[in-house]
Amino acid sequence: GRTGHRDEPEPLMSVRIDKWLWAARFFKTRGLAQMAIDSGRVLLGDARIKPAHAVKVGDKLAVTAGERTFEIEVLGLSEVRGPAPVAQALYRESEASIARRAAEAERRRYAREPAATIAGRPTKRDRREIGRVRESFE
């Protein structure tokens, strides 16, 4: 049998990358994590990997989730999705990565809302704008 108490989980030596990315809250579901991995949006070092690849403490990952790319180092392993502060303790983002994301967010703030250029439903911001314009005519 196993030594140690039943209620003490064995310390994880490695976790499937798809599970880890979900536990660390980079993706809402494991399925989304798997799709991102399969399409090369998750790199270990500079190499593409498979969803079943084992991630270990110290691994360096580049994760592109939506518009944002994170360069991170794995600090902890988990297969369970906890609250955000717990999830964030599983990794450390590099200073360069934080700075680059801040710059990208700033650039997007000044870029025109893409929804407005495509004919269709106005965004919430557009609707407020329309409301203000209408009021000024009444």
Protein backbone atom coordinates (compact mmCIF):
# COMPACT_ATOMS: atom_id res chain seq x y z
CA GLY A 1 0.00 0.00 0.00
CA ARG A 2 0.87 3.66 0.05
CA THR A 3 2.63 5.31 2.95
CA GLY A 4 1.24 8.49 4.51
CA HIS A 5 -2.26 9.51 5.32
CA ARG A 6 -5.14 9.09 2.95
CA ASP A 7 -6.23 12.73 3.09
CA GLU A 8 -2.77 14.06 2.19
CA PRO A 9 -2.58 14.20 -1.59
CA GLU A 10 0.69 13.09 -3.10
CA PRO A 11 2.69 16.18 -4.16
CA LEU A 12 2.24 16.60 -7.90
CA MET A 13 5.46 16.20 -9.87
CA SER A 14 3.81 17.10 -13.16
CA VAL A 15 0.41 17.96 -14.57
CA ARG A 16 -0.99 17.75 -18.10
CA ILE A 17 -0.51 21.16 -19.70
CA ASP A 18 -4.19 21.43 -20.72
CA LYS A 19 -5.29 20.80 -17.12
CA TRP A 20 -2.71 23.22 -15.74
CA LEU A 21 -3.72 26.06 -18.09
CA TRP A 22 -7.34 25.55 -17.04
CA ALA A 23 -6.43 25.42 -13.33
CA ALA A 24 -4.32 28.58 -13.74
CA ARG A 25 -7.35 30.26 -15.36
CA PHE A 26 -5.82 31.05 -18.74
CA PHE A 27 -8.78 29.31 -20.40
CA LYS A 28 -12.39 28.85 -19.26
CA THR A 29 -12.47 25.17 -20.17
CA ARG A 30 -9.98 22.38 -20.77
CA GLY A 31 -11.38 22.09 -24.27
CA LEU A 32 -10.43 25.69 -25.04
CA ALA A 33 -6.98 25.05 -23.58
CA GLN A 34 -6.59 21.99 -25.81
CA MET A 35 -7.63 23.96 -28.90
CA ALA A 36 -5.12 26.70 -28.09
CA ILE A 37 -2.36 24.11 -27.59
CA ASP A 38 -3.23 22.31 -30.83
CA SER A 39 -3.16 25.56 -32.79
CA GLY A 40 0.29 26.46 -31.45
CA ARG A 41 -0.82 29.27 -29.13
CA VAL A 42 0.92 27.62 -26.18
CA LEU A 43 4.67 27.15 -26.43
CA LEU A 44 7.04 25.46 -24.01
CA GLY A 45 10.38 27.16 -24.51
CA ASP A 46 9.86 27.88 -28.21
CA ALA A 47 8.40 24.48 -29.04
CA ARG A 48 4.87 23.43 -29.82
CA ILE A 49 3.49 20.73 -27.54
CA LYS A 50 0.53 18.38 -27.23
CA PRO A 51 -2.34 18.81 -24.71
CA ALA A 52 -1.13 15.76 -22.74
CA HIS A 53 2.38 17.21 -22.32
CA ALA A 54 3.50 17.25 -18.70
CA VAL A 55 4.27 20.67 -17.26
CA LYS A 56 6.76 20.95 -14.40
CA VAL A 57 7.77 23.68 -11.96
CA GLY A 58 10.32 25.94 -13.64
CA ASP A 59 8.92 25.44 -17.15
CA LYS A 60 8.78 28.61 -19.23
CA LEU A 61 5.61 29.01 -21.29
CA ALA A 62 4.30 31.50 -23.82
CA VAL A 63 0.49 31.47 -23.67
CA THR A 64 -1.70 33.39 -26.11
CA ALA A 65 -5.25 33.65 -24.78
CA GLY A 66 -7.54 35.76 -26.93
CA GLU A 67 -5.63 38.92 -27.84
CA ARG A 68 -3.14 38.68 -25.01
CA THR A 69 0.17 36.82 -24.85
CA PHE A 70 1.71 35.95 -21.49
CA GLU A 71 5.31 34.86 -20.92
CA ILE A 72 5.28 32.93 -17.70
CA GLU A 73 7.29 30.62 -15.48
CA VAL A 74 5.47 27.76 -13.77
CA LEU A 75 5.75 28.12 -9.97
CA GLY A 76 3.19 25.58 -8.83
CA LEU A 77 1.18 22.63 -10.08
CA SER A 78 -2.54 22.11 -9.77
CA GLU A 79 -5.24 20.03 -11.42
CA VAL A 80 -8.08 21.85 -9.70
CA ARG A 81 -9.41 25.26 -10.66
CA GLY A 82 -9.47 27.49 -7.60
CA PRO A 83 -10.18 31.19 -7.10
CA ALA A 84 -8.16 33.67 -9.16
CA PRO A 85 -5.61 34.55 -6.42
CA VAL A 86 -4.81 30.84 -6.00
CA ALA A 87 -4.58 30.39 -9.78
CA GLN A 88 -2.22 33.38 -10.09
CA ALA A 89 0.13 31.87 -7.51
CA LEU A 90 0.77 28.98 -9.92
CA TYR A 91 2.90 31.15 -12.20
CA ARG A 92 4.98 34.29 -12.47
CA GLU A 93 4.74 36.55 -15.48
CA SER A 94 7.98 38.11 -16.74
CA GLU A 95 8.44 41.88 -16.41
CA ALA A 96 8.84 42.20 -20.19
CA SER A 97 5.57 40.34 -20.71
CA ILE A 98 3.69 42.56 -18.22
CA ALA A 99 5.07 45.72 -19.86
CA ARG A 100 4.22 44.49 -23.36
CA ARG A 101 0.65 43.60 -22.39
CA ALA A 102 0.17 47.01 -20.77
CA ALA A 103 1.39 48.70 -23.96
CA GLU A 104 -0.94 46.58 -26.10
CA ALA A 105 -3.92 47.35 -23.85
CA GLU A 106 -3.09 51.06 -24.11
CA ARG A 107 -2.87 50.82 -27.91
CA ARG A 108 -6.24 49.03 -28.05
CA ARG A 109 -7.86 51.74 -25.94
CA TYR A 110 -7.13 54.25 -28.69
CA ALA A 111 -7.95 51.98 -31.59
CA ARG A 112 -11.49 52.35 -32.89
CA GLU A 113 -13.97 49.78 -31.59
CA PRO A 114 -13.96 47.11 -34.36
CA ALA A 115 -17.69 46.41 -33.93
CA ALA A 116 -18.53 49.92 -35.11
CA THR A 117 -16.86 49.45 -38.48
CA ILE A 118 -18.91 46.35 -39.23
CA ALA A 119 -22.55 47.13 -39.98
CA GLY A 120 -24.80 45.61 -37.38
CA ARG A 121 -25.74 45.99 -33.78
CA PRO A 122 -24.29 49.06 -32.05
CA THR A 123 -22.00 48.43 -29.09
CA LYS A 124 -23.05 49.59 -25.64
CA ARG A 125 -20.69 52.52 -26.07
CA ASP A 126 -22.28 53.38 -29.43
CA ARG A 127 -25.77 53.25 -27.91
CA ARG A 128 -24.77 55.67 -25.14
CA GLU A 129 -23.30 57.97 -27.78
CA ILE A 130 -26.52 57.78 -29.83
CA GLY A 131 -28.53 58.58 -26.69
CA ARG A 132 -26.41 61.66 -25.99
CA VAL A 133 -26.72 62.91 -29.58
CA ARG A 134 -30.51 62.42 -29.54
CA GLU A 135 -30.88 64.31 -26.27
CA SER A 136 -29.04 67.30 -27.68
CA PHE A 137 -31.66 67.58 -30.45
CA GLU A 138 -34.72 67.48 -28.23
